[in-house]
Amino acid sequence: AEHCPDAGAAKKMRNDRGALDKWLGNRNGLDLVGEFPVRAEPGLWQEVLVRLTPRQYSISSSPLVSPREVQLTVSVVRYRGADGS
Protein backbone atom coordinates (compact mmCIF):
# COMPACT_ATOMS: atom_id res chain seq x y z
CA ALA A 1 0.00 0.00 0.00
CA GLU A 2 2.85 2.40 0.74
CA HIS A 3 4.01 2.21 -2.91
CA CYS A 4 0.59 2.99 -4.41
CA PRO A 5 0.42 6.57 -5.76
CA ASP A 6 -3.38 6.69 -5.14
CA ALA A 7 -3.76 7.64 -1.46
CA GLY A 8 -7.42 6.60 -1.36
CA ALA A 9 -6.65 3.16 -2.78
CA ALA A 10 -3.72 2.74 -0.41
CA LYS A 11 -5.95 3.59 2.55
CA LYS A 12 -8.55 1.09 1.35
CA MET A 13 -5.90 -1.64 1.10
CA ARG A 14 -4.57 -0.92 4.60
CA ASN A 15 -7.75 -0.39 6.60
CA ASP A 16 -10.27 -3.07 5.68
CA ARG A 17 -8.53 -6.44 5.50
CA GLY A 18 -11.84 -8.33 5.21
CA ALA A 19 -12.92 -6.30 2.19
CA LEU A 20 -9.45 -6.69 0.67
CA ASP A 21 -9.53 -10.48 1.16
CA LYS A 22 -13.00 -10.64 -0.42
CA TRP A 23 -11.87 -8.51 -3.36
CA LEU A 24 -8.74 -10.65 -3.84
CA GLY A 25 -10.79 -13.87 -3.85
CA ASN A 26 -10.91 -14.34 -7.63
CA ARG A 27 -8.05 -12.09 -8.65
CA ASN A 28 -4.34 -12.48 -9.18
CA GLY A 29 -1.36 -10.15 -8.89
CA LEU A 30 -1.89 -8.67 -12.35
CA ASP A 31 -5.46 -7.73 -11.45
CA LEU A 32 -4.22 -6.03 -8.29
CA VAL A 33 -1.52 -4.02 -10.08
CA GLY A 34 -4.00 -3.14 -12.84
CA GLU A 35 -6.44 -1.58 -10.41
CA PHE A 36 -3.88 -0.13 -7.97
CA PRO A 37 -0.82 0.95 -10.01
CA VAL A 38 2.31 0.51 -7.93
CA ARG A 39 5.74 2.04 -8.47
CA ALA A 40 8.47 -0.08 -6.93
CA GLU A 41 12.05 -1.14 -7.55
CA PRO A 42 12.65 -4.60 -9.11
CA GLY A 43 14.16 -5.87 -5.84
CA LEU A 44 10.96 -5.05 -3.97
CA TRP A 45 8.86 -6.87 -6.60
CA GLN A 46 11.11 -9.88 -6.16
CA GLU A 47 10.50 -9.84 -2.40
CA VAL A 48 6.71 -9.68 -2.62
CA LEU A 49 5.96 -11.88 -5.63
CA VAL A 50 5.40 -15.52 -4.77
CA ARG A 51 7.66 -17.99 -6.51
CA LEU A 52 5.66 -20.64 -8.34
CA THR A 53 5.90 -24.09 -6.83
CA PRO A 54 7.03 -26.65 -9.39
CA ARG A 55 4.47 -29.31 -10.24
CA GLN A 56 5.63 -32.76 -11.17
CA TYR A 57 2.45 -33.47 -13.13
CA SER A 58 -0.86 -32.00 -14.32
CA ILE A 59 -4.24 -33.66 -14.05
CA SER A 60 -5.47 -33.63 -17.63
CA SER A 61 -8.73 -35.55 -17.33
CA SER A 62 -12.18 -34.24 -16.53
CA PRO A 63 -14.41 -35.83 -13.89
CA LEU A 64 -17.33 -34.93 -16.16
CA VAL A 65 -15.94 -37.05 -19.01
CA SER A 66 -14.24 -39.83 -17.02
CA PRO A 67 -15.67 -39.88 -13.49
CA ARG A 68 -13.73 -43.03 -12.50
CA GLU A 69 -10.43 -42.26 -14.16
CA VAL A 70 -7.60 -39.80 -13.65
CA GLN A 71 -5.23 -39.01 -16.50
CA LEU A 72 -1.92 -37.32 -15.83
CA THR A 73 0.32 -35.32 -18.13
CA VAL A 74 4.00 -35.62 -17.25
CA SER A 75 7.08 -34.12 -18.88
CA VAL A 76 10.79 -34.06 -18.13
CA VAL A 77 12.11 -30.50 -17.95
CA ARG A 78 15.83 -29.79 -17.85
CA TYR A 79 17.26 -26.35 -17.33
CA ARG A 80 20.14 -24.59 -15.64
CA GLY A 81 19.68 -22.03 -12.90
CA ALA A 82 21.28 -18.61 -12.91
CA ASP A 83 24.23 -20.04 -10.95
CA GLY A 84 24.81 -22.72 -13.63
CA SER A 85 23.67 -25.66 -11.51
PDB file of N, CA and C in Angstrom:
ATOM      1  N   ALA A   1       0.826  -1.193   0.000  1.00  0.00           N
ATOM      2  CA  ALA A   1       0.000   0.000   0.000  1.00  0.00           C
ATOM      3  C   ALA A   1       0.871   1.257   0.000  1.00  0.00           C
ATOM      4  N   GLU A   2       2.020   1.192   0.656  1.00  0.00           N
ATOM      5  CA  GLU A   2       2.851   2.397   0.738  1.00  0.00           C
ATOM      6  C   GLU A   2       3.460   2.785  -0.603  1.00  0.00           C
ATOM      7  N   HIS A   3       3.445   1.897  -1.601  1.00  0.00           N
ATOM      8  CA  HIS A   3       4.009   2.210  -2.914  1.00  0.00           C
ATOM      9  C   HIS A   3       2.936   2.566  -3.933  1.00  0.00           C
ATOM     10  N   CYS A   4       1.693   2.646  -3.514  1.00  0.00           N
ATOM     11  CA  CYS A   4       0.588   2.993  -4.409  1.00  0.00           C
ATOM     12  C   CYS A   4       0.448   4.512  -4.462  1.00  0.00           C
ATOM     13  N   PRO A   5       0.506   5.116  -5.663  1.00  0.00           N
ATOM     14  CA  PRO A   5       0.417   6.569  -5.757  1.00  0.00           C
ATOM     15  C   PRO A   5      -0.980   7.117  -5.446  1.00  0.00           C
ATOM     16  N   ASP A   6      -2.002   6.275  -5.435  1.00  0.00           N
ATOM     17  CA  ASP A   6      -3.378   6.691  -5.143  1.00  0.00           C
ATOM     18  C   ASP A   6      -3.619   6.554  -3.641  1.00  0.00           C
ATOM     19  N   ALA A   7      -3.632   7.677  -2.923  1.00  0.00           N
ATOM     20  CA  ALA A   7      -3.756   7.645  -1.457  1.00  0.00           C
ATOM     21  C   ALA A   7      -5.052   6.981  -1.007  1.00  0.00           C
ATOM     22  N   GLY A   8      -6.149   7.218  -1.725  1.00  0.00           N
ATOM     23  CA  GLY A   8      -7.425   6.600  -1.363  1.00  0.00           C
ATOM     24  C   GLY A   8      -7.377   5.087  -1.501  1.00  0.00           C
ATOM     25  N   ALA A   9      -6.777   4.604  -2.576  1.00  0.00           N
ATOM     26  CA  ALA A   9      -6.653   3.158  -2.782  1.00  0.00           C
ATOM     27  C   ALA A   9      -5.733   2.550  -1.735  1.00  0.00           C
ATOM     28  N   ALA A  10      -4.651   3.243  -1.418  1.00  0.00           N
ATOM     29  CA  ALA A  10      -3.721   2.736  -0.406  1.00  0.00           C
ATOM     30  C   ALA A  10      -4.416   2.624   0.947  1.00  0.00           C
ATOM     31  N   LYS A  11      -5.216   3.624   1.284  1.00  0.00           N
ATOM     32  CA  LYS A  11      -5.947   3.590   2.554  1.00  0.00           C
ATOM     33  C   LYS A  11      -6.917   2.416   2.575  1.00  0.00           C
ATOM     34  N   LYS A  12      -7.605   2.199   1.449  1.00  0.00           N
ATOM     35  CA  LYS A  12      -8.551   1.089   1.350  1.00  0.00           C
ATOM     36  C   LYS A  12      -7.832  -0.250   1.552  1.00  0.00           C
ATOM     37  N   MET A  13      -6.644  -0.384   0.968  1.00  0.00           N
ATOM     38  CA  MET A  13      -5.895  -1.641   1.100  1.00  0.00           C
ATOM     39  C   MET A  13      -5.440  -1.866   2.535  1.00  0.00           C
ATOM     40  N   ARG A  14      -5.085  -0.796   3.237  1.00  0.00           N
ATOM     41  CA  ARG A  14      -4.567  -0.923   4.603  1.00  0.00           C
ATOM     42  C   ARG A  14      -5.654  -1.152   5.642  1.00  0.00           C
ATOM     43  N   ASN A  15      -6.788  -0.474   5.513  1.00  0.00           N
ATOM     44  CA  ASN A  15      -7.750  -0.390   6.605  1.00  0.00           C
ATOM     45  C   ASN A  15      -8.759  -1.523   6.706  1.00  0.00           C
ATOM     46  N   ASP A  16      -9.196  -2.080   5.608  1.00  0.00           N
ATOM     47  CA  ASP A  16     -10.267  -3.070   5.677  1.00  0.00           C
ATOM     48  C   ASP A  16      -9.787  -4.398   5.112  1.00  0.00           C
ATOM     49  N   ARG A  17      -9.115  -5.179   5.950  1.00  0.00           N
ATOM     50  CA  ARG A  17      -8.527  -6.444   5.502  1.00  0.00           C
ATOM     51  C   ARG A  17      -9.598  -7.418   5.004  1.00  0.00           C
ATOM     52  N   GLY A  18     -10.762  -7.442   5.645  1.00  0.00           N
ATOM     53  CA  GLY A  18     -11.839  -8.333   5.212  1.00  0.00           C
ATOM     54  C   GLY A  18     -12.305  -8.008   3.807  1.00  0.00           C
ATOM     55  N   ALA A  19     -12.499  -6.720   3.529  1.00  0.00           N
ATOM     56  CA  ALA A  19     -12.917  -6.302   2.189  1.00  0.00           C
ATOM     57  C   ALA A  19     -11.821  -6.603   1.173  1.00  0.00           C
ATOM     58  N   LEU A  20     -10.567  -6.395   1.567  1.00  0.00           N
ATOM     59  CA  LEU A  20      -9.452  -6.694   0.669  1.00  0.00           C
ATOM     60  C   LEU A  20      -9.396  -8.186   0.361  1.00  0.00           C
ATOM     61  N   ASP A  21      -9.539  -9.031   1.377  1.00  0.00           N
ATOM     62  CA  ASP A  21      -9.531 -10.482   1.157  1.00  0.00           C
ATOM     63  C   ASP A  21     -10.668 -10.908   0.237  1.00  0.00           C
ATOM     64  N   LYS A  22     -11.848 -10.317   0.429  1.00  0.00           N
ATOM     65  CA  LYS A  22     -12.996 -10.644  -0.423  1.00  0.00           C
ATOM     66  C   LYS A  22     -12.722 -10.214  -1.862  1.00  0.00           C
ATOM     67  N   TRP A  23     -12.167  -9.019  -2.034  1.00  0.00           N
ATOM     68  CA  TRP A  23     -11.867  -8.509  -3.365  1.00  0.00           C
ATOM     69  C   TRP A  23     -10.812  -9.376  -4.053  1.00  0.00           C
ATOM     70  N   LEU A  24      -9.819  -9.840  -3.281  1.00  0.00           N
ATOM     71  CA  LEU A  24      -8.739 -10.653  -3.844  1.00  0.00           C
ATOM     72  C   LEU A  24      -9.180 -12.065  -4.200  1.00  0.00           C
ATOM     73  N   GLY A  25     -10.333 -12.493  -3.707  1.00  0.00           N
ATOM     74  CA  GLY A  25     -10.786 -13.872  -3.850  1.00  0.00           C
ATOM     75  C   GLY A  25     -10.615 -14.483  -5.226  1.00  0.00           C
ATOM     76  N   ASN A  26     -10.993 -13.791  -6.270  1.00  0.00           N
ATOM     77  CA  ASN A  26     -10.911 -14.337  -7.628  1.00  0.00           C
ATOM     78  C   ASN A  26      -9.959 -13.546  -8.504  1.00  0.00           C
ATOM     79  N   ARG A  27      -8.997 -12.900  -7.893  1.00  0.00           N
ATOM     80  CA  ARG A  27      -8.055 -12.090  -8.652  1.00  0.00           C
ATOM     81  C   ARG A  27      -6.623 -12.564  -8.419  1.00  0.00           C
ATOM     82  N   ASN A  28      -5.753 -12.160  -9.337  1.00  0.00           N
ATOM     83  CA  ASN A  28      -4.335 -12.480  -9.183  1.00  0.00           C
ATOM     84  C   ASN A  28      -3.535 -11.182  -9.089  1.00  0.00           C
ATOM     85  N   GLY A  29      -2.230 -11.313  -9.029  1.00  0.00           N
ATOM     86  CA  GLY A  29      -1.364 -10.149  -8.886  1.00  0.00           C
ATOM     87  C   GLY A  29      -1.508  -9.136 -10.006  1.00  0.00           C
ATOM     88  N   LEU A  30      -1.722  -9.604 -11.234  1.00  0.00           N
ATOM     89  CA  LEU A  30      -1.891  -8.672 -12.352  1.00  0.00           C
ATOM     90  C   LEU A  30      -3.156  -7.845 -12.194  1.00  0.00           C
ATOM     91  N   ASP A  31      -4.232  -8.476 -11.700  1.00  0.00           N
ATOM     92  CA  ASP A  31      -5.463  -7.728 -11.450  1.00  0.00           C
ATOM     93  C   ASP A  31      -5.220  -6.635 -10.417  1.00  0.00           C
ATOM     94  N   LEU A  32      -4.493  -6.975  -9.372  1.00  0.00           N
ATOM     95  CA  LEU A  32      -4.217  -6.028  -8.292  1.00  0.00           C
ATOM     96  C   LEU A  32      -3.420  -4.829  -8.803  1.00  0.00           C
ATOM     97  N   VAL A  33      -2.357  -5.096  -9.550  1.00  0.00           N
ATOM     98  CA  VAL A  33      -1.522  -4.016 -10.077  1.00  0.00           C
ATOM     99  C   VAL A  33      -2.285  -3.209 -11.128  1.00  0.00           C
ATOM    100  N   GLY A  34      -3.188  -3.863 -11.864  1.00  0.00           N
ATOM    101  CA  GLY A  34      -3.999  -3.142 -12.843  1.00  0.00           C
ATOM    102  C   GLY A  34      -4.926  -2.134 -12.201  1.00  0.00           C
ATOM    103  N   GLU A  35      -5.513  -2.491 -11.074  1.00  0.00           N
ATOM    104  CA  GLU A  35      -6.438  -1.583 -10.405  1.00  0.00           C
ATOM    105  C   GLU A  35      -5.730  -0.579  -9.499  1.00  0.00           C
ATOM    106  N   PHE A  36      -4.635  -0.996  -8.878  1.00  0.00           N
ATOM    107  CA  PHE A  36      -3.881  -0.129  -7.975  1.00  0.00           C
ATOM    108  C   PHE A  36      -2.447  -0.026  -8.480  1.00  0.00           C
ATOM    109  N   PRO A  37      -2.178   0.854  -9.460  1.00  0.00           N
ATOM    110  CA  PRO A  37      -0.821   0.945 -10.008  1.00  0.00           C
ATOM    111  C   PRO A  37       0.215   1.198  -8.907  1.00  0.00           C
ATOM    112  N   VAL A  38       1.272   0.435  -8.954  1.00  0.00           N
ATOM    113  CA  VAL A  38       2.314   0.508  -7.933  1.00  0.00           C
ATOM    114  C   VAL A  38       3.640   0.833  -8.608  1.00  0.00           C
ATOM    115  N   ARG A  39       4.386   1.717  -8.005  1.00  0.00           N
ATOM    116  CA  ARG A  39       5.738   2.042  -8.470  1.00  0.00           C
ATOM    117  C   ARG A  39       6.708   1.484  -7.443  1.00  0.00           C
ATOM    118  N   ALA A  40       7.520   0.531  -7.864  1.00  0.00           N
ATOM    119  CA  ALA A  40       8.475  -0.081  -6.929  1.00  0.00           C
ATOM    120  C   ALA A  40       9.705  -0.547  -7.693  1.00  0.00           C
ATOM    121  N   GLU A  41      10.798  -0.647  -6.983  1.00  0.00           N
ATOM    122  CA  GLU A  41      12.053  -1.138  -7.555  1.00  0.00           C
ATOM    123  C   GLU A  41      11.942  -2.640  -7.828  1.00  0.00           C
ATOM    124  N   PRO A  42      12.694  -3.162  -8.810  1.00  0.00           N
ATOM    125  CA  PRO A  42      12.646  -4.596  -9.106  1.00  0.00           C
ATOM    126  C   PRO A  42      12.930  -5.481  -7.890  1.00  0.00           C
ATOM    127  N   GLY A  43      13.844  -5.063  -7.031  1.00  0.00           N
ATOM    128  CA  GLY A  43      14.155  -5.866  -5.843  1.00  0.00           C
ATOM    129  C   GLY A  43      12.959  -6.024  -4.922  1.00  0.00           C
ATOM    130  N   LEU A  44      12.157  -4.977  -4.808  1.00  0.00           N
ATOM    131  CA  LEU A  44      10.958  -5.053  -3.970  1.00  0.00           C
ATOM    132  C   LEU A  44       9.931  -5.993  -4.591  1.00  0.00           C
ATOM    133  N   TRP A  45       9.774  -5.930  -5.922  1.00  0.00           N
ATOM    134  CA  TRP A  45       8.861  -6.866  -6.596  1.00  0.00           C
ATOM    135  C   TRP A  45       9.300  -8.300  -6.329  1.00  0.00           C
ATOM    136  N   GLN A  46      10.593  -8.531  -6.392  1.00  0.00           N
ATOM    137  CA  GLN A  46      11.110  -9.881  -6.165  1.00  0.00           C
ATOM    138  C   GLN A  46      10.794 -10.359  -4.751  1.00  0.00           C
ATOM    139  N   GLU A  47      10.812  -9.464  -3.785  1.00  0.00           N
ATOM    140  CA  GLU A  47      10.498  -9.836  -2.404  1.00  0.00           C
ATOM    141  C   GLU A  47       9.033 -10.206  -2.219  1.00  0.00           C
ATOM    142  N   VAL A  48       8.134  -9.486  -2.889  1.00  0.00           N
ATOM    143  CA  VAL A  48       6.707  -9.676  -2.617  1.00  0.00           C
ATOM    144  C   VAL A  48       6.025 -10.675  -3.545  1.00  0.00           C
ATOM    145  N   LEU A  49       6.587 -10.917  -4.725  1.00  0.00           N
ATOM    146  CA  LEU A  49       5.960 -11.882  -5.628  1.00  0.00           C
ATOM    147  C   LEU A  49       6.267 -13.299  -5.168  1.00  0.00           C
ATOM    148  N   VAL A  50       5.264 -14.138  -5.229  1.00  0.00           N
ATOM    149  CA  VAL A  50       5.398 -15.518  -4.772  1.00  0.00           C
ATOM    150  C   VAL A  50       6.011 -16.361  -5.882  1.00  0.00           C
ATOM    151  N   ARG A  51       7.042 -17.096  -5.540  1.00  0.00           N
ATOM    152  CA  ARG A  51       7.659 -17.990  -6.510  1.00  0.00           C
ATOM    153  C   ARG A  51       6.723 -19.169  -6.757  1.00  0.00           C
ATOM    154  N   LEU A  52       6.532 -19.518  -8.011  1.00  0.00           N
ATOM    155  CA  LEU A  52       5.656 -20.638  -8.342  1.00  0.00           C
ATOM    156  C   LEU A  52       6.269 -21.945  -7.871  1.00  0.00           C
ATOM    157  N   THR A  53       5.453 -22.777  -7.278  1.00  0.00           N
ATOM    158  CA  THR A  53       5.899 -24.085  -6.826  1.00  0.00           C
ATOM    159  C   THR A  53       5.901 -25.034  -8.016  1.00  0.00           C
ATOM    160  N   PRO A  54       6.999 -25.729  -8.260  1.00  0.00           N
ATOM    161  CA  PRO A  54       7.031 -26.653  -9.391  1.00  0.00           C
ATOM    162  C   PRO A  54       6.032 -27.790  -9.194  1.00  0.00           C
ATOM    163  N   ARG A  55       5.373 -28.154 -10.276  1.00  0.00           N
ATOM    164  CA  ARG A  55       4.470 -29.308 -10.241  1.00  0.00           C
ATOM    165  C   ARG A  55       5.118 -30.430 -11.028  1.00  0.00           C
ATOM    166  N   GLN A  56       5.042 -31.608 -10.501  1.00  0.00           N
ATOM    167  CA  GLN A  56       5.630 -32.764 -11.165  1.00  0.00           C
ATOM    168  C   GLN A  56       4.694 -33.340 -12.231  1.00  0.00           C
ATOM    169  N   TYR A  57       3.436 -32.936 -12.201  1.00  0.00           N
ATOM    170  CA  TYR A  57       2.445 -33.474 -13.129  1.00  0.00           C
ATOM    171  C   TYR A  57       1.264 -32.509 -13.211  1.00  0.00           C
ATOM    172  N   SER A  58       0.411 -32.720 -14.218  1.00  0.00           N
ATOM    173  CA  SER A  58      -0.856 -32.000 -14.321  1.00  0.00           C
ATOM    174  C   SER A  58      -1.960 -33.021 -14.498  1.00  0.00           C
ATOM    175  N   ILE A  59      -3.072 -32.802 -13.844  1.00  0.00           N
ATOM    176  CA  ILE A  59      -4.235 -33.665 -14.051  1.00  0.00           C
ATOM    177  C   ILE A  59      -4.904 -33.180 -15.325  1.00  0.00           C
ATOM    178  N   SER A  60      -4.971 -34.046 -16.325  1.00  0.00           N
ATOM    179  CA  SER A  60      -5.470 -33.634 -17.632  1.00  0.00           C
ATOM    180  C   SER A  60      -6.818 -34.243 -17.981  1.00  0.00           C
ATOM    181  N   SER A  61      -7.418 -34.971 -17.064  1.00  0.00           N
ATOM    182  CA  SER A  61      -8.732 -35.553 -17.331  1.00  0.00           C
ATOM    183  C   SER A  61      -9.818 -34.725 -16.661  1.00  0.00           C
ATOM    184  N   SER A  62     -11.039 -34.942 -17.104  1.00  0.00           N
ATOM    185  CA  SER A  62     -12.181 -34.242 -16.531  1.00  0.00           C
ATOM    186  C   SER A  62     -13.082 -35.234 -15.811  1.00  0.00           C
ATOM    187  N   PRO A  63     -13.490 -34.934 -14.582  1.00  0.00           N
ATOM    188  CA  PRO A  63     -14.412 -35.829 -13.888  1.00  0.00           C
ATOM    189  C   PRO A  63     -15.771 -35.887 -14.579  1.00  0.00           C
ATOM    190  N   LEU A  64     -16.074 -34.908 -15.418  1.00  0.00           N
ATOM    191  CA  LEU A  64     -17.334 -34.935 -16.159  1.00  0.00           C
ATOM    192  C   LEU A  64     -17.282 -35.934 -17.307  1.00  0.00           C
ATOM    193  N   VAL A  65     -16.104 -36.118 -17.895  1.00  0.00           N
ATOM    194  CA  VAL A  65     -15.940 -37.047 -19.013  1.00  0.00           C
ATOM    195  C   VAL A  65     -15.596 -38.441 -18.516  1.00  0.00           C
ATOM    196  N   SER A  66     -14.690 -38.538 -17.556  1.00  0.00           N
ATOM    197  CA  SER A  66     -14.237 -39.832 -17.022  1.00  0.00           C
ATOM    198  C   SER A  66     -14.321 -39.799 -15.503  1.00  0.00           C
ATOM    199  N   PRO A  67     -15.517 -40.025 -14.935  1.00  0.00           N
ATOM    200  CA  PRO A  67     -15.668 -39.883 -13.486  1.00  0.00           C
ATOM    201  C   PRO A  67     -14.877 -40.894 -12.662  1.00  0.00           C
ATOM    202  N   ARG A  68     -14.450 -41.999 -13.257  1.00  0.00           N
ATOM    203  CA  ARG A  68     -13.728 -43.032 -12.499  1.00  0.00           C
ATOM    204  C   ARG A  68     -12.270 -43.160 -12.928  1.00  0.00           C
ATOM    205  N   GLU A  69     -11.781 -42.164 -13.615  1.00  0.00           N
ATOM    206  CA  GLU A  69     -10.432 -42.263 -14.165  1.00  0.00           C
ATOM    207  C   GLU A  69      -9.714 -40.924 -14.023  1.00  0.00           C
ATOM    208  N   VAL A  70      -8.428 -40.997 -13.700  1.00  0.00           N
ATOM    209  CA  VAL A  70      -7.595 -39.798 -13.645  1.00  0.00           C
ATOM    210  C   VAL A  70      -6.481 -39.969 -14.665  1.00  0.00           C
ATOM    211  N   GLN A  71      -6.310 -38.991 -15.519  1.00  0.00           N
ATOM    212  CA  GLN A  71      -5.229 -39.011 -16.498  1.00  0.00           C
ATOM    213  C   GLN A  71      -4.241 -37.911 -16.137  1.00  0.00           C
ATOM    214  N   LEU A  72      -2.978 -38.262 -16.183  1.00  0.00           N
ATOM    215  CA  LEU A  72      -1.919 -37.320 -15.835  1.00  0.00           C
ATOM    216  C   LEU A  72      -1.108 -36.963 -17.067  1.00  0.00           C
ATOM    217  N   THR A  73      -0.619 -35.749 -17.107  1.00  0.00           N
ATOM    218  CA  THR A  73       0.323 -35.318 -18.127  1.00  0.00           C
ATOM    219  C   THR A  73       1.641 -35.056 -17.414  1.00  0.00           C
ATOM    220  N   VAL A  74       2.696 -35.709 -17.897  1.00  0.00           N
ATOM    221  CA  VAL A  74       4.004 -35.623 -17.254  1.00  0.00           C
ATOM    222  C   VAL A  74       5.041 -35.284 -18.319  1.00  0.00           C
ATOM    223  N   SER A  75       6.017 -34.468 -17.958  1.00  0.00           N
ATOM    224  CA  SER A  75       7.085 -34.120 -18.879  1.00  0.00           C
ATOM    225  C   SER A  75       8.379 -33.938 -18.103  1.00  0.00           C
ATOM    226  N   VAL A  76       9.476 -34.290 -18.732  1.00  0.00           N
ATOM    227  CA  VAL A  76      10.787 -34.062 -18.132  1.00  0.00           C
ATOM    228  C   VAL A  76      11.264 -32.690 -18.590  1.00  0.00           C
ATOM    229  N   VAL A  77      11.632 -31.846 -17.639  1.00  0.00           N
ATOM    230  CA  VAL A  77      12.110 -30.503 -17.949  1.00  0.00           C
ATOM    231  C   VAL A  77      13.521 -30.378 -17.405  1.00  0.00           C
ATOM    232  N   ARG A  78      14.441 -29.979 -18.272  1.00  0.00           N
ATOM    233  CA  ARG A  78      15.826 -29.792 -17.850  1.00  0.00           C
ATOM    234  C   ARG A  78      16.223 -28.353 -18.129  1.00  0.00           C
ATOM    235  N   TYR A  79      16.792 -27.723 -17.156  1.00  0.00           N
ATOM    236  CA  TYR A  79      17.260 -26.352 -17.330  1.00  0.00           C
ATOM    237  C   TYR A  79      18.363 -26.072 -16.326  1.00  0.00           C
ATOM    238  N   ARG A  80      19.082 -25.008 -16.558  1.00  0.00           N
ATOM    239  CA  ARG A  80      20.135 -24.586 -15.639  1.00  0.00           C
ATOM    240  C   ARG A  80      19.689 -23.308 -14.942  1.00  0.00           C
ATOM    241  N   GLY A  81      19.987 -23.233 -13.664  1.00  0.00           N
ATOM    242  CA  GLY A  81      19.676 -22.035 -12.896  1.00  0.00           C
ATOM    243  C   GLY A  81      20.659 -20.926 -13.212  1.00  0.00           C
ATOM    244  N   ALA A  82      20.414 -19.766 -12.670  1.00  0.00           N
ATOM    245  CA  ALA A  82      21.279 -18.608 -12.912  1.00  0.00           C
ATOM    246  C   ALA A  82      22.710 -18.862 -12.461  1.00  0.00           C
ATOM    247  N   ASP A  83      22.881 -19.737 -11.450  1.00  0.00           N
ATOM    248  CA  ASP A  83      24.225 -20.041 -10.954  1.00  0.00           C
ATOM    249  C   ASP A  83      24.898 -21.171 -11.733  1.00  0.00           C
ATOM    250  N   GLY A  84      24.227 -21.670 -12.791  1.00  0.00           N
ATOM    251  CA  GLY A  84      24.810 -22.718 -13.627  1.00  0.00           C
ATOM    252  C   GLY A  84      24.541 -24.122 -13.162  1.00  0.00           C
ATOM    253  N   SER A  85      23.921 -24.297 -12.008  1.00  0.00           N
ATOM    254  CA  SER A  85      23.673 -25.658 -11.511  1.00  0.00           C
ATOM    255  C   SER A  85      22.423 -26.253 -12.116  1.00  0.00           C
TER     256      SER A  85
END
